[in-house]
Amino acid sequence: METLKEKAINSISKLPESADIDDIMYRLYVIDKVRKGQEAILNGQTIFIESLEKELNSW
């Protein structure tokens, strides 16, 4: 399994040479959010779409 550091390095290495710091930071941000989402799923920290719709409609 690829480590977080390896994922970051691989993702950054695929950016074009003209990439700036904002491009790099965005890639790292996305990697982090996907990782946190996957952990939430594994830990059962999810909600059904119906529950979300009810909550949104109550606003």
N, C-alpha and C. Protein backbone atom coordinates (compact mmCIF):
# COMPACT_ATOMS: atom_id res chain seq x y z
N MET A 1 0.84 -1.18 0.00
CA MET A 1 0.00 0.00 0.00
C MET A 1 0.89 1.25 0.00
N GLU A 2 0.48 2.20 -0.76
CA GLU A 2 1.23 3.45 -0.90
C GLU A 2 1.05 4.33 0.34
N THR A 3 2.16 4.85 0.86
CA THR A 3 2.08 5.73 2.02
C THR A 3 1.58 7.10 1.59
N LEU A 4 1.16 7.88 2.56
CA LEU A 4 0.69 9.23 2.29
C LEU A 4 1.78 10.06 1.61
N LYS A 5 2.99 9.93 2.08
CA LYS A 5 4.12 10.66 1.49
C LYS A 5 4.32 10.25 0.03
N GLU A 6 4.23 8.96 -0.24
CA GLU A 6 4.39 8.48 -1.61
C GLU A 6 3.27 8.99 -2.51
N LYS A 7 2.03 9.02 -1.98
CA LYS A 7 0.92 9.55 -2.76
C LYS A 7 1.15 11.01 -3.11
N ALA A 8 1.61 11.78 -2.14
CA ALA A 8 1.87 13.20 -2.36
C ALA A 8 2.97 13.40 -3.40
N ILE A 9 4.05 12.67 -3.26
CA ILE A 9 5.17 12.80 -4.20
C ILE A 9 4.74 12.39 -5.61
N ASN A 10 4.01 11.28 -5.73
CA ASN A 10 3.55 10.82 -7.04
C ASN A 10 2.61 11.84 -7.69
N SER A 11 1.71 12.39 -6.90
CA SER A 11 0.76 13.35 -7.42
C SER A 11 1.46 14.63 -7.88
N ILE A 12 2.36 15.12 -7.06
CA ILE A 12 3.10 16.34 -7.42
C ILE A 12 3.97 16.11 -8.65
N SER A 13 4.56 14.93 -8.75
CA SER A 13 5.45 14.66 -9.88
C SER A 13 4.70 14.62 -11.21
N LYS A 14 3.39 14.42 -11.16
CA LYS A 14 2.58 14.39 -12.39
C LYS A 14 2.17 15.79 -12.86
N LEU A 15 2.40 16.79 -12.02
CA LEU A 15 2.07 18.16 -12.41
C LEU A 15 3.04 18.65 -13.48
N PRO A 16 2.60 19.56 -14.32
CA PRO A 16 3.52 20.11 -15.32
C PRO A 16 4.61 20.95 -14.65
N GLU A 17 5.71 21.13 -15.33
CA GLU A 17 6.82 21.91 -14.80
C GLU A 17 6.41 23.35 -14.50
N SER A 18 5.38 23.81 -15.15
CA SER A 18 4.92 25.19 -14.95
C SER A 18 4.02 25.34 -13.72
N ALA A 19 3.77 24.25 -13.00
CA ALA A 19 2.89 24.30 -11.83
C ALA A 19 3.45 25.24 -10.78
N ASP A 20 2.54 25.97 -10.14
CA ASP A 20 2.98 26.88 -9.08
C ASP A 20 2.59 26.30 -7.72
N ILE A 21 2.90 27.02 -6.67
CA ILE A 21 2.66 26.53 -5.31
C ILE A 21 1.17 26.29 -5.06
N ASP A 22 0.31 27.10 -5.68
CA ASP A 22 -1.13 26.90 -5.52
C ASP A 22 -1.57 25.56 -6.11
N ASP A 23 -1.01 25.17 -7.23
CA ASP A 23 -1.32 23.88 -7.85
C ASP A 23 -0.89 22.74 -6.93
N ILE A 24 0.28 22.87 -6.36
CA ILE A 24 0.80 21.84 -5.46
C ILE A 24 -0.06 21.75 -4.20
N MET A 25 -0.37 22.88 -3.62
CA MET A 25 -1.19 22.89 -2.41
C MET A 25 -2.58 22.31 -2.66
N TYR A 26 -3.15 22.60 -3.83
CA TYR A 26 -4.46 22.06 -4.16
C TYR A 26 -4.40 20.53 -4.25
N ARG A 27 -3.36 20.02 -4.89
CA ARG A 27 -3.22 18.56 -4.99
C ARG A 27 -3.13 17.93 -3.60
N LEU A 28 -2.34 18.53 -2.72
CA LEU A 28 -2.20 18.00 -1.37
C LEU A 28 -3.52 18.09 -0.60
N TYR A 29 -4.25 19.17 -0.81
CA TYR A 29 -5.56 19.36 -0.18
C TYR A 29 -6.52 18.25 -0.61
N VAL A 30 -6.57 17.97 -1.89
CA VAL A 30 -7.47 16.93 -2.41
C VAL A 30 -7.08 15.56 -1.85
N ILE A 31 -5.80 15.25 -1.83
CA ILE A 31 -5.34 13.98 -1.28
C ILE A 31 -5.79 13.84 0.17
N ASP A 32 -5.65 14.92 0.94
CA ASP A 32 -6.04 14.89 2.35
C ASP A 32 -7.54 14.68 2.50
N LYS A 33 -8.35 15.38 1.72
CA LYS A 33 -9.79 15.27 1.83
C LYS A 33 -10.27 13.87 1.43
N VAL A 34 -9.69 13.30 0.39
CA VAL A 34 -10.07 11.94 -0.03
C VAL A 34 -9.70 10.94 1.06
N ARG A 35 -8.49 11.10 1.63
CA ARG A 35 -8.05 10.20 2.70
C ARG A 35 -8.99 10.28 3.90
N LYS A 36 -9.37 11.49 4.29
CA LYS A 36 -10.28 11.65 5.43
C LYS A 36 -11.66 11.06 5.13
N GLY A 37 -12.11 11.20 3.90
CA GLY A 37 -13.38 10.62 3.51
C GLY A 37 -13.35 9.10 3.56
N GLN A 38 -12.27 8.52 3.10
CA GLN A 38 -12.13 7.07 3.14
C GLN A 38 -12.09 6.56 4.58
N GLU A 39 -11.39 7.29 5.45
CA GLU A 39 -11.35 6.91 6.86
C GLU A 39 -12.74 7.00 7.50
N ALA A 40 -13.49 8.04 7.15
CA ALA A 40 -14.84 8.19 7.70
C ALA A 40 -15.73 7.03 7.28
N ILE A 41 -15.60 6.61 6.04
CA ILE A 41 -16.39 5.47 5.56
C ILE A 41 -16.03 4.21 6.34
N LEU A 42 -14.74 3.97 6.51
CA LEU A 42 -14.29 2.78 7.25
C LEU A 42 -14.76 2.80 8.69
N ASN A 43 -14.88 3.99 9.28
CA ASN A 43 -15.29 4.13 10.67
C ASN A 43 -16.81 4.26 10.83
N GLY A 44 -17.54 4.13 9.73
CA GLY A 44 -18.99 4.19 9.78
C GLY A 44 -19.53 5.59 10.04
N GLN A 45 -18.74 6.60 9.75
CA GLN A 45 -19.15 7.98 10.00
C GLN A 45 -19.78 8.58 8.73
N THR A 46 -20.86 7.97 8.32
CA THR A 46 -21.55 8.42 7.12
C THR A 46 -23.03 8.61 7.44
N ILE A 47 -23.72 9.32 6.57
CA ILE A 47 -25.17 9.48 6.73
C ILE A 47 -25.84 9.14 5.40
N PHE A 48 -27.11 8.79 5.50
CA PHE A 48 -27.87 8.49 4.30
C PHE A 48 -28.28 9.78 3.62
N ILE A 49 -28.41 9.76 2.32
CA ILE A 49 -28.77 10.95 1.55
C ILE A 49 -30.12 11.50 2.00
N GLU A 50 -31.02 10.61 2.38
CA GLU A 50 -32.34 11.04 2.84
C GLU A 50 -32.23 11.92 4.09
N SER A 51 -31.34 11.53 5.01
CA SER A 51 -31.13 12.31 6.23
C SER A 51 -30.56 13.68 5.91
N LEU A 52 -29.64 13.71 4.96
CA LEU A 52 -29.05 14.98 4.55
C LEU A 52 -30.08 15.89 3.90
N GLU A 53 -30.92 15.30 3.06
CA GLU A 53 -31.98 16.09 2.40
C GLU A 53 -32.93 16.69 3.42
N LYS A 54 -33.32 15.90 4.43
CA LYS A 54 -34.22 16.39 5.47
C LYS A 54 -33.57 17.55 6.22
N GLU A 55 -32.30 17.41 6.54
CA GLU A 55 -31.59 18.47 7.26
C GLU A 55 -31.50 19.73 6.42
N LEU A 56 -31.19 19.59 5.15
CA LEU A 56 -31.11 20.76 4.28
C LEU A 56 -32.46 21.43 4.12
N ASN A 57 -33.52 20.65 4.01
CA ASN A 57 -34.87 21.22 3.86
C ASN A 57 -35.33 21.94 5.12
N SER A 58 -34.77 21.60 6.26
CA SER A 58 -35.16 22.26 7.51
C SER A 58 -34.52 23.64 7.66
N TRP A 59 -33.58 23.97 6.80
CA TRP A 59 -32.94 25.29 6.86
C TRP A 59 -33.85 26.26 6.23
